[in-house]
Amino acid sequence: MLQTLARARRIGGQTGHAALLVFFVTFLAFPFYWMLLTTFKTTQDLHNTANDPYLFNDPPTLHHLQVLQRFLSLRLDVDNHLQWHKSAEVLFEEF
């Protein structure tokens, strides 16, 4: 009887530990899932409150990634220009 009770207690503890682990893994992984899901949604699909937020109501798109790529390349160009401008100022200050 004691062995059965000890075994039930051990199985209950392992089950509780596994349930807690599943809860925290799901809780921590959800933002990455949401980020991946919204990356490929259309803007209209994101802003329409009648749509289910967990499903693709419109076909997936790469438009947001293209916008991000254009923004980053523009920012890189601006950063390079500002760096060149600062270098030119330092160089010409000596004259």
C-alpha atoms as a PDB file:
ATOM      1  CA  MET A   1       0.000   0.000   0.000  1.00  0.00           C
ATOM      2  CA  LEU A   2       2.822   2.391   0.826  1.00  0.00           C
ATOM      3  CA  GLN A   3       4.604   1.593  -2.429  1.00  0.00           C
ATOM      4  CA  THR A   4       1.458   2.369  -4.406  1.00  0.00           C
ATOM      5  CA  LEU A   5       1.015   5.651  -2.541  1.00  0.00           C
ATOM      6  CA  ALA A   6       4.677   6.580  -3.088  1.00  0.00           C
ATOM      7  CA  ARG A   7       4.410   5.716  -6.784  1.00  0.00           C
ATOM      8  CA  ALA A   8       1.219   7.777  -7.157  1.00  0.00           C
ATOM      9  CA  ARG A   9       2.892  10.706  -5.395  1.00  0.00           C
ATOM     10  CA  ARG A  10       5.957  10.442  -7.679  1.00  0.00           C
ATOM     11  CA  ILE A  11       3.800  10.268 -10.816  1.00  0.00           C
ATOM     12  CA  GLY A  12       1.711  13.218  -9.592  1.00  0.00           C
ATOM     13  CA  GLY A  13       4.853  15.246  -8.942  1.00  0.00           C
ATOM     14  CA  GLN A  14       6.275  14.445 -12.375  1.00  0.00           C
ATOM     15  CA  THR A  15       2.956  15.291 -14.026  1.00  0.00           C
ATOM     16  CA  GLY A  16       2.772  18.610 -12.170  1.00  0.00           C
ATOM     17  CA  HIS A  17       6.357  19.398 -13.133  1.00  0.00           C
ATOM     18  CA  ALA A  18       5.660  18.566 -16.790  1.00  0.00           C
ATOM     19  CA  ALA A  19       2.468  20.659 -16.796  1.00  0.00           C
ATOM     20  CA  LEU A  20       4.322  23.617 -15.303  1.00  0.00           C
ATOM     21  CA  LEU A  21       7.112  23.226 -17.854  1.00  0.00           C
ATOM     22  CA  VAL A  22       4.625  23.081 -20.751  1.00  0.00           C
ATOM     23  CA  PHE A  23       2.880  26.196 -19.426  1.00  0.00           C
ATOM     24  CA  PHE A  24       6.091  28.239 -19.210  1.00  0.00           C
ATOM     25  CA  VAL A  25       7.439  27.046 -22.571  1.00  0.00           C
ATOM     26  CA  THR A  26       4.137  27.981 -24.211  1.00  0.00           C
ATOM     27  CA  PHE A  27       4.076  31.334 -22.393  1.00  0.00           C
ATOM     28  CA  LEU A  28       7.637  32.168 -23.475  1.00  0.00           C
ATOM     29  CA  ALA A  29       7.282  30.878 -27.055  1.00  0.00           C
ATOM     30  CA  PHE A  30       4.017  32.695 -27.795  1.00  0.00           C
ATOM     31  CA  PRO A  31       5.596  36.113 -28.611  1.00  0.00           C
ATOM     32  CA  PHE A  32       7.856  34.455 -31.205  1.00  0.00           C
ATOM     33  CA  TYR A  33       4.864  32.645 -32.714  1.00  0.00           C
ATOM     34  CA  TRP A  34       2.904  35.921 -32.827  1.00  0.00           C
ATOM     35  CA  MET A  35       5.829  37.782 -34.394  1.00  0.00           C
ATOM     36  CA  LEU A  36       6.236  35.125 -37.072  1.00  0.00           C
ATOM     37  CA  LEU A  37       2.489  35.059 -37.752  1.00  0.00           C
ATOM     38  CA  THR A  38       2.128  38.827 -38.106  1.00  0.00           C
ATOM     39  CA  THR A  39       5.230  39.087 -40.300  1.00  0.00           C
ATOM     40  CA  PHE A  40       3.451  37.334 -43.157  1.00  0.00           C
ATOM     41  CA  LYS A  41      -0.018  38.896 -42.721  1.00  0.00           C
ATOM     42  CA  THR A  42      -1.300  41.722 -44.896  1.00  0.00           C
ATOM     43  CA  THR A  43      -1.868  45.124 -43.323  1.00  0.00           C
ATOM     44  CA  GLN A  44      -5.602  44.887 -43.984  1.00  0.00           C
ATOM     45  CA  ASP A  45      -5.686  41.489 -42.282  1.00  0.00           C
ATOM     46  CA  LEU A  46      -3.914  42.931 -39.238  1.00  0.00           C
ATOM     47  CA  HIS A  47      -6.209  45.960 -38.848  1.00  0.00           C
ATOM     48  CA  ASN A  48      -9.566  44.288 -39.538  1.00  0.00           C
ATOM     49  CA  THR A  49     -11.065  43.372 -36.146  1.00  0.00           C
ATOM     50  CA  ALA A  50     -13.579  40.974 -37.718  1.00  0.00           C
ATOM     51  CA  ASN A  51     -10.748  38.637 -38.772  1.00  0.00           C
ATOM     52  CA  ASP A  52      -9.433  35.843 -36.589  1.00  0.00           C
ATOM     53  CA  PRO A  53      -5.986  37.020 -35.376  1.00  0.00           C
ATOM     54  CA  TYR A  54      -4.594  33.471 -35.188  1.00  0.00           C
ATOM     55  CA  LEU A  55      -5.334  32.548 -38.825  1.00  0.00           C
ATOM     56  CA  PHE A  56      -4.392  33.876 -42.250  1.00  0.00           C
ATOM     57  CA  ASN A  57      -7.612  35.427 -43.556  1.00  0.00           C
ATOM     58  CA  ASP A  58      -5.792  36.799 -46.613  1.00  0.00           C
ATOM     59  CA  PRO A  59      -2.971  34.957 -48.399  1.00  0.00           C
ATOM     60  CA  PRO A  60       0.465  35.361 -46.737  1.00  0.00           C
ATOM     61  CA  THR A  61       2.687  38.120 -48.104  1.00  0.00           C
ATOM     62  CA  LEU A  62       6.309  39.240 -47.968  1.00  0.00           C
ATOM     63  CA  HIS A  63       5.400  42.945 -48.219  1.00  0.00           C
ATOM     64  CA  HIS A  64       6.377  43.783 -44.633  1.00  0.00           C
ATOM     65  CA  LEU A  65       9.782  42.188 -45.073  1.00  0.00           C
ATOM     66  CA  GLN A  66      10.325  44.188 -48.262  1.00  0.00           C
ATOM     67  CA  VAL A  67       9.393  47.413 -46.443  1.00  0.00           C
ATOM     68  CA  LEU A  68      11.773  46.511 -43.617  1.00  0.00           C
ATOM     69  CA  GLN A  69      14.573  45.807 -46.079  1.00  0.00           C
ATOM     70  CA  ARG A  70      14.047  49.169 -47.797  1.00  0.00           C
ATOM     71  CA  PHE A  71      13.973  50.978 -44.435  1.00  0.00           C
ATOM     72  CA  LEU A  72      17.172  49.295 -43.255  1.00  0.00           C
ATOM     73  CA  SER A  73      19.035  49.991 -46.493  1.00  0.00           C
ATOM     74  CA  LEU A  74      17.916  53.640 -46.366  1.00  0.00           C
ATOM     75  CA  ARG A  75      19.010  53.914 -42.745  1.00  0.00           C
ATOM     76  CA  LEU A  76      22.355  52.333 -43.593  1.00  0.00           C
ATOM     77  CA  ASP A  77      22.831  54.894 -46.389  1.00  0.00           C
ATOM     78  CA  VAL A  78      22.023  57.763 -44.022  1.00  0.00           C
ATOM     79  CA  ASP A  79      24.361  56.382 -41.337  1.00  0.00           C
ATOM     80  CA  ASN A  80      27.173  56.019 -43.879  1.00  0.00           C
ATOM     81  CA  HIS A  81      26.610  59.567 -45.113  1.00  0.00           C
ATOM     82  CA  LEU A  82      26.682  60.974 -41.574  1.00  0.00           C
ATOM     83  CA  GLN A  83      29.830  59.030 -40.780  1.00  0.00           C
ATOM     84  CA  TRP A  84      31.507  60.316 -43.947  1.00  0.00           C
ATOM     85  CA  HIS A  85      30.405  63.867 -43.094  1.00  0.00           C
ATOM     86  CA  LYS A  86      31.908  63.641 -39.601  1.00  0.00           C
ATOM     87  CA  SER A  87      35.137  62.257 -41.029  1.00  0.00           C
ATOM     88  CA  ALA A  88      35.296  65.085 -43.539  1.00  0.00           C
ATOM     89  CA  GLU A  89      34.761  67.654 -40.793  1.00  0.00           C
ATOM     90  CA  VAL A  90      37.615  66.222 -38.716  1.00  0.00           C
ATOM     91  CA  LEU A  91      39.861  66.067 -41.773  1.00  0.00           C
ATOM     92  CA  PHE A  92      39.158  69.650 -42.865  1.00  0.00           C
ATOM     93  CA  GLU A  93      39.355  71.121 -39.338  1.00  0.00           C
ATOM     94  CA  GLU A  94      43.119  70.733 -39.481  1.00  0.00           C
ATOM     95  CA  PHE A  95      43.409  73.054 -42.482  1.00  0.00           C
END
